[in-house]
């Protein structure tokens, strides 16, 4: 799992993961947003700059995927789900 923040110039801004072509490459496990909780299905959420994404996928493929979509990885920490 990786946590990443959506950068202001990201291709994800204003799009959901399927619309941006990211679905199937990684799994979206959660979204952190300053406004608080999101009460819709994650795959339907239109992402905003500053959103923190919890993503799951092949660890070796994460850096190029994050760079391609304009997301910045956060410092590694132990996540418990």
C-alpha atoms as a PDB file:
ATOM      1  CA  UNK A   1       0.000   0.000   0.000  1.00  0.00           C
ATOM      2  CA  UNK A   2       1.057   3.529  -0.761  1.00  0.00           C
ATOM      3  CA  UNK A   3      -0.291   6.903   0.302  1.00  0.00           C
ATOM      4  CA  UNK A   4      -0.063   9.668  -2.284  1.00  0.00           C
ATOM      5  CA  UNK A   5      -1.359  13.203  -2.587  1.00  0.00           C
ATOM      6  CA  UNK A   6      -3.014  14.469  -5.773  1.00  0.00           C
ATOM      7  CA  UNK A   7      -0.920  17.390  -7.055  1.00  0.00           C
ATOM      8  CA  UNK A   8      -2.628  20.534  -8.427  1.00  0.00           C
ATOM      9  CA  UNK A   9      -1.469  19.715 -11.976  1.00  0.00           C
ATOM     10  CA  UNK A  10      -2.494  16.028 -11.784  1.00  0.00           C
ATOM     11  CA  UNK A  11      -4.471  14.371 -14.590  1.00  0.00           C
ATOM     12  CA  UNK A  12      -6.757  13.047 -11.845  1.00  0.00           C
ATOM     13  CA  UNK A  13      -8.154  16.449 -10.803  1.00  0.00           C
ATOM     14  CA  UNK A  14     -11.863  16.560 -11.664  1.00  0.00           C
ATOM     15  CA  UNK A  15     -11.947  12.894 -12.676  1.00  0.00           C
ATOM     16  CA  UNK A  16     -12.701   9.582 -11.053  1.00  0.00           C
ATOM     17  CA  UNK A  17     -10.141   6.761 -11.224  1.00  0.00           C
ATOM     18  CA  UNK A  18     -11.952   4.943 -14.069  1.00  0.00           C
ATOM     19  CA  UNK A  19     -12.307   8.193 -16.058  1.00  0.00           C
ATOM     20  CA  UNK A  20      -8.583   8.857 -15.706  1.00  0.00           C
ATOM     21  CA  UNK A  21      -7.601   5.324 -16.745  1.00  0.00           C
ATOM     22  CA  UNK A  22      -6.099   4.409 -13.386  1.00  0.00           C
ATOM     23  CA  UNK A  23      -8.656   1.749 -12.434  1.00  0.00           C
ATOM     24  CA  UNK A  24      -7.255  -1.727 -12.991  1.00  0.00           C
ATOM     25  CA  UNK A  25      -3.684  -0.519 -12.522  1.00  0.00           C
ATOM     26  CA  UNK A  26      -4.099   0.126  -8.805  1.00  0.00           C
ATOM     27  CA  UNK A  27      -6.905  -0.303  -6.289  1.00  0.00           C
ATOM     28  CA  UNK A  28      -8.196   2.733  -4.437  1.00  0.00           C
ATOM     29  CA  UNK A  29      -8.729   1.817  -0.789  1.00  0.00           C
ATOM     30  CA  UNK A  30      -9.482   5.246   0.640  1.00  0.00           C
ATOM     31  CA  UNK A  31      -9.516   8.999   0.133  1.00  0.00           C
ATOM     32  CA  UNK A  32      -8.588  11.616   2.709  1.00  0.00           C
ATOM     33  CA  UNK A  33     -10.019  15.048   2.079  1.00  0.00           C
ATOM     34  CA  UNK A  34      -9.998  18.227   4.149  1.00  0.00           C
ATOM     35  CA  UNK A  35     -13.793  18.517   3.976  1.00  0.00           C
ATOM     36  CA  UNK A  36     -14.134  15.203   5.794  1.00  0.00           C
ATOM     37  CA  UNK A  37     -15.892  12.006   4.846  1.00  0.00           C
ATOM     38  CA  UNK A  38     -16.926  11.076   1.336  1.00  0.00           C
ATOM     39  CA  UNK A  39     -20.256   9.281   1.275  1.00  0.00           C
ATOM     40  CA  UNK A  40     -20.184   7.851  -2.238  1.00  0.00           C
ATOM     41  CA  UNK A  41     -18.510   4.893  -3.875  1.00  0.00           C
ATOM     42  CA  UNK A  42     -14.799   5.524  -4.199  1.00  0.00           C
ATOM     43  CA  UNK A  43     -14.754   4.755  -7.909  1.00  0.00           C
ATOM     44  CA  UNK A  44     -17.272   7.579  -8.489  1.00  0.00           C
ATOM     45  CA  UNK A  45     -15.503  10.284  -6.481  1.00  0.00           C
ATOM     46  CA  UNK A  46     -14.156  13.167  -8.568  1.00  0.00           C
ATOM     47  CA  UNK A  47     -10.676  13.724  -7.214  1.00  0.00           C
ATOM     48  CA  UNK A  48      -9.381  17.120  -6.117  1.00  0.00           C
ATOM     49  CA  UNK A  49      -5.921  18.571  -5.679  1.00  0.00           C
ATOM     50  CA  UNK A  50      -4.757  17.798  -2.156  1.00  0.00           C
ATOM     51  CA  UNK A  51      -6.715  14.551  -1.815  1.00  0.00           C
ATOM     52  CA  UNK A  52      -4.685  11.851  -0.092  1.00  0.00           C
ATOM     53  CA  UNK A  53      -5.179   8.477  -1.753  1.00  0.00           C
ATOM     54  CA  UNK A  54      -4.519   5.096  -0.204  1.00  0.00           C
ATOM     55  CA  UNK A  55      -3.591   2.858  -3.125  1.00  0.00           C
ATOM     56  CA  UNK A  56      -2.841  -0.829  -3.360  1.00  0.00           C
ATOM     57  CA  UNK A  57      -0.956  -2.457  -6.189  1.00  0.00           C
ATOM     58  CA  UNK A  58       2.340  -3.910  -7.299  1.00  0.00           C
ATOM     59  CA  UNK A  59       4.886  -1.980  -5.250  1.00  0.00           C
ATOM     60  CA  UNK A  60       7.481  -1.868  -8.033  1.00  0.00           C
ATOM     61  CA  UNK A  61       4.980  -0.273 -10.438  1.00  0.00           C
ATOM     62  CA  UNK A  62       3.796   2.435  -8.035  1.00  0.00           C
ATOM     63  CA  UNK A  63       6.507   5.090  -8.639  1.00  0.00           C
ATOM     64  CA  UNK A  64       5.968   5.235 -12.431  1.00  0.00           C
ATOM     65  CA  UNK A  65       2.157   5.150 -12.070  1.00  0.00           C
ATOM     66  CA  UNK A  66       2.207   7.947  -9.475  1.00  0.00           C
ATOM     67  CA  UNK A  67       4.504  10.051 -11.675  1.00  0.00           C
ATOM     68  CA  UNK A  68       2.360   9.438 -14.764  1.00  0.00           C
ATOM     69  CA  UNK A  69      -0.791  10.628 -13.015  1.00  0.00           C
ATOM     70  CA  UNK A  70       0.752  13.546 -11.122  1.00  0.00           C
ATOM     71  CA  UNK A  71       0.603  12.168  -7.589  1.00  0.00           C
ATOM     72  CA  UNK A  72       3.286  12.599  -4.958  1.00  0.00           C
ATOM     73  CA  UNK A  73       4.055   9.694  -2.627  1.00  0.00           C
ATOM     74  CA  UNK A  74       3.927  10.435   1.080  1.00  0.00           C
ATOM     75  CA  UNK A  75       6.528   9.225   3.544  1.00  0.00           C
ATOM     76  CA  UNK A  76       6.211   5.537   4.241  1.00  0.00           C
ATOM     77  CA  UNK A  77       4.410   4.593   7.458  1.00  0.00           C
ATOM     78  CA  UNK A  78       2.663   1.578   8.823  1.00  0.00           C
ATOM     79  CA  UNK A  79      -0.966   1.533   7.751  1.00  0.00           C
ATOM     80  CA  UNK A  80      -3.492  -0.666   9.473  1.00  0.00           C
ATOM     81  CA  UNK A  81      -6.719  -1.484   7.682  1.00  0.00           C
END
